[in-house]
């Protein structure tokens, strides 16, 4: 991590850090949905959303 970035994160309040984490999570879900939509153009929005929920529910680090 770049020292400037580290300073920036250290200066954040816990609420700001949580918001950054939530924003990253939402971005990851949106990117996964876009990828699934491209791979499966015939799937409905509900099917895409359900698959994204499944993927994130069972994801492991």
N, C-alpha and C. Protein backbone atom coordinates (compact mmCIF):
# COMPACT_ATOMS: atom_id res chain seq x y z
N UNK A 1 0.85 -1.17 0.00
CA UNK A 1 0.00 0.00 0.00
C UNK A 1 0.90 1.24 0.00
N UNK A 2 0.52 2.19 -0.80
CA UNK A 2 1.27 3.44 -0.90
C UNK A 2 1.15 4.20 0.42
N UNK A 3 2.24 4.83 0.88
CA UNK A 3 2.20 5.57 2.15
C UNK A 3 1.10 6.64 2.21
N UNK A 4 0.86 7.31 1.09
CA UNK A 4 -0.20 8.34 1.06
C UNK A 4 -1.57 7.70 1.29
N UNK A 5 -1.77 6.56 0.67
CA UNK A 5 -3.04 5.85 0.83
C UNK A 5 -3.19 5.37 2.28
N UNK A 6 -2.11 4.88 2.85
CA UNK A 6 -2.14 4.42 4.24
C UNK A 6 -2.52 5.57 5.17
N UNK A 7 -1.92 6.74 4.97
CA UNK A 7 -2.25 7.91 5.78
C UNK A 7 -3.72 8.26 5.66
N UNK A 8 -4.21 8.20 4.44
CA UNK A 8 -5.62 8.53 4.18
C UNK A 8 -6.55 7.60 4.95
N UNK A 9 -6.26 6.30 4.91
CA UNK A 9 -7.09 5.34 5.63
C UNK A 9 -6.98 5.52 7.15
N UNK A 10 -5.80 5.82 7.63
CA UNK A 10 -5.61 6.02 9.07
C UNK A 10 -6.37 7.25 9.57
N UNK A 11 -6.54 8.23 8.70
CA UNK A 11 -7.23 9.46 9.08
C UNK A 11 -8.76 9.31 9.06
N UNK A 12 -9.25 8.23 8.48
CA UNK A 12 -10.70 8.04 8.37
C UNK A 12 -11.32 7.64 9.70
N UNK A 13 -12.56 8.06 9.87
CA UNK A 13 -13.33 7.61 11.02
C UNK A 13 -13.79 6.17 10.77
N UNK A 14 -14.19 5.47 11.82
CA UNK A 14 -14.72 4.12 11.60
C UNK A 14 -15.91 4.11 10.63
N UNK A 15 -16.76 5.12 10.71
CA UNK A 15 -17.91 5.21 9.82
C UNK A 15 -17.47 5.35 8.36
N UNK A 16 -16.44 6.15 8.13
CA UNK A 16 -15.94 6.32 6.77
C UNK A 16 -15.33 5.02 6.25
N UNK A 17 -14.61 4.31 7.10
CA UNK A 17 -14.02 3.03 6.70
C UNK A 17 -15.11 2.02 6.36
N UNK A 18 -16.17 2.01 7.15
CA UNK A 18 -17.28 1.11 6.87
C UNK A 18 -17.93 1.46 5.54
N UNK A 19 -18.09 2.75 5.27
CA UNK A 19 -18.70 3.17 4.01
C UNK A 19 -17.84 2.75 2.82
N UNK A 20 -16.52 2.87 2.94
CA UNK A 20 -15.62 2.44 1.87
C UNK A 20 -15.78 0.94 1.64
N UNK A 21 -15.84 0.16 2.72
CA UNK A 21 -16.01 -1.28 2.59
C UNK A 21 -17.34 -1.63 1.92
N UNK A 22 -18.41 -0.95 2.31
CA UNK A 22 -19.72 -1.20 1.71
C UNK A 22 -19.73 -0.82 0.23
N UNK A 23 -19.09 0.28 -0.10
CA UNK A 23 -19.01 0.70 -1.51
C UNK A 23 -18.25 -0.33 -2.35
N UNK A 24 -17.15 -0.85 -1.80
CA UNK A 24 -16.38 -1.88 -2.52
C UNK A 24 -17.21 -3.14 -2.71
N UNK A 25 -17.96 -3.52 -1.68
CA UNK A 25 -18.81 -4.71 -1.76
C UNK A 25 -19.88 -4.54 -2.84
N UNK A 26 -20.52 -3.38 -2.86
CA UNK A 26 -21.54 -3.11 -3.88
C UNK A 26 -20.94 -3.09 -5.28
N UNK A 27 -19.75 -2.53 -5.41
CA UNK A 27 -19.07 -2.52 -6.71
C UNK A 27 -18.75 -3.94 -7.17
N UNK A 28 -18.30 -4.78 -6.26
CA UNK A 28 -17.98 -6.16 -6.60
C UNK A 28 -19.24 -6.90 -7.06
N UNK A 29 -20.35 -6.67 -6.38
CA UNK A 29 -21.61 -7.31 -6.77
C UNK A 29 -22.07 -6.82 -8.14
N UNK A 30 -21.93 -5.54 -8.40
CA UNK A 30 -22.33 -4.98 -9.69
C UNK A 30 -21.46 -5.54 -10.82
N UNK A 31 -20.16 -5.65 -10.57
CA UNK A 31 -19.26 -6.22 -11.59
C UNK A 31 -19.59 -7.68 -11.86
N UNK A 32 -19.89 -8.43 -10.81
CA UNK A 32 -20.25 -9.84 -10.99
C UNK A 32 -21.54 -9.95 -11.79
N UNK A 33 -22.52 -9.10 -11.48
CA UNK A 33 -23.79 -9.12 -12.21
C UNK A 33 -23.57 -8.80 -13.68
N UNK A 34 -22.72 -7.82 -13.96
CA UNK A 34 -22.44 -7.45 -15.35
C UNK A 34 -21.77 -8.61 -16.09
N UNK A 35 -20.84 -9.28 -15.42
CA UNK A 35 -20.18 -10.43 -16.04
C UNK A 35 -21.14 -11.57 -16.32
N UNK A 36 -22.04 -11.84 -15.37
CA UNK A 36 -23.03 -12.90 -15.57
C UNK A 36 -23.99 -12.54 -16.71
N UNK A 37 -24.37 -11.27 -16.76
CA UNK A 37 -25.28 -10.83 -17.83
C UNK A 37 -24.63 -11.02 -19.20
N UNK A 38 -23.33 -10.77 -19.26
CA UNK A 38 -22.62 -10.95 -20.53
C UNK A 38 -22.49 -12.43 -20.89
N UNK A 39 -22.23 -13.25 -19.88
CA UNK A 39 -22.09 -14.69 -20.12
C UNK A 39 -23.43 -15.36 -20.42
N UNK A 40 -24.50 -14.82 -19.85
CA UNK A 40 -25.83 -15.43 -19.98
C UNK A 40 -26.86 -14.38 -20.40
N UNK A 41 -26.79 -13.91 -21.64
CA UNK A 41 -27.70 -12.85 -22.08
C UNK A 41 -29.17 -13.26 -22.04
N UNK A 42 -29.43 -14.56 -21.99
CA UNK A 42 -30.81 -15.04 -21.96
C UNK A 42 -31.41 -15.05 -20.55
N UNK A 43 -30.59 -14.85 -19.51
CA UNK A 43 -31.09 -14.87 -18.14
C UNK A 43 -31.86 -13.59 -17.82
N UNK A 44 -32.89 -13.73 -17.02
CA UNK A 44 -33.66 -12.56 -16.57
C UNK A 44 -32.87 -11.84 -15.47
N UNK A 45 -33.30 -10.62 -15.17
CA UNK A 45 -32.66 -9.86 -14.09
C UNK A 45 -32.76 -10.61 -12.77
N UNK A 46 -33.90 -11.26 -12.55
CA UNK A 46 -34.08 -12.02 -11.31
C UNK A 46 -33.09 -13.18 -11.24
N UNK A 47 -32.87 -13.86 -12.36
CA UNK A 47 -31.90 -14.97 -12.38
C UNK A 47 -30.49 -14.46 -12.10
N UNK A 48 -30.15 -13.33 -12.69
CA UNK A 48 -28.83 -12.72 -12.46
C UNK A 48 -28.68 -12.38 -10.98
N UNK A 49 -29.68 -11.69 -10.42
CA UNK A 49 -29.61 -11.28 -9.02
C UNK A 49 -29.52 -12.48 -8.09
N UNK A 50 -30.27 -13.53 -8.38
CA UNK A 50 -30.24 -14.73 -7.55
C UNK A 50 -28.86 -15.37 -7.59
N UNK A 51 -28.27 -15.45 -8.77
CA UNK A 51 -26.94 -16.06 -8.90
C UNK A 51 -25.89 -15.22 -8.16
N UNK A 52 -25.99 -13.90 -8.26
CA UNK A 52 -25.05 -13.03 -7.54
C UNK A 52 -25.18 -13.27 -6.04
N UNK A 53 -26.42 -13.35 -5.54
CA UNK A 53 -26.63 -13.62 -4.11
C UNK A 53 -25.99 -14.95 -3.71
N UNK A 54 -26.19 -15.97 -4.52
CA UNK A 54 -25.59 -17.29 -4.25
C UNK A 54 -24.07 -17.22 -4.20
N UNK A 55 -23.50 -16.58 -5.20
CA UNK A 55 -22.04 -16.49 -5.29
C UNK A 55 -21.47 -15.80 -4.06
N UNK A 56 -22.08 -14.69 -3.65
CA UNK A 56 -21.56 -13.96 -2.50
C UNK A 56 -21.88 -14.65 -1.18
N UNK A 57 -22.96 -15.39 -1.14
CA UNK A 57 -23.30 -16.12 0.08
C UNK A 57 -22.29 -17.23 0.35
N UNK A 58 -21.88 -17.92 -0.70
CA UNK A 58 -20.99 -19.07 -0.54
C UNK A 58 -19.53 -18.76 -0.85
N UNK A 59 -19.19 -17.50 -1.05
CA UNK A 59 -17.81 -17.11 -1.35
C UNK A 59 -16.91 -17.37 -0.14
N UNK A 60 -15.70 -17.75 -0.43
CA UNK A 60 -14.70 -17.95 0.63
C UNK A 60 -13.47 -17.15 0.30
N UNK A 61 -12.77 -16.74 1.33
CA UNK A 61 -11.55 -15.98 1.11
C UNK A 61 -10.35 -16.87 1.17
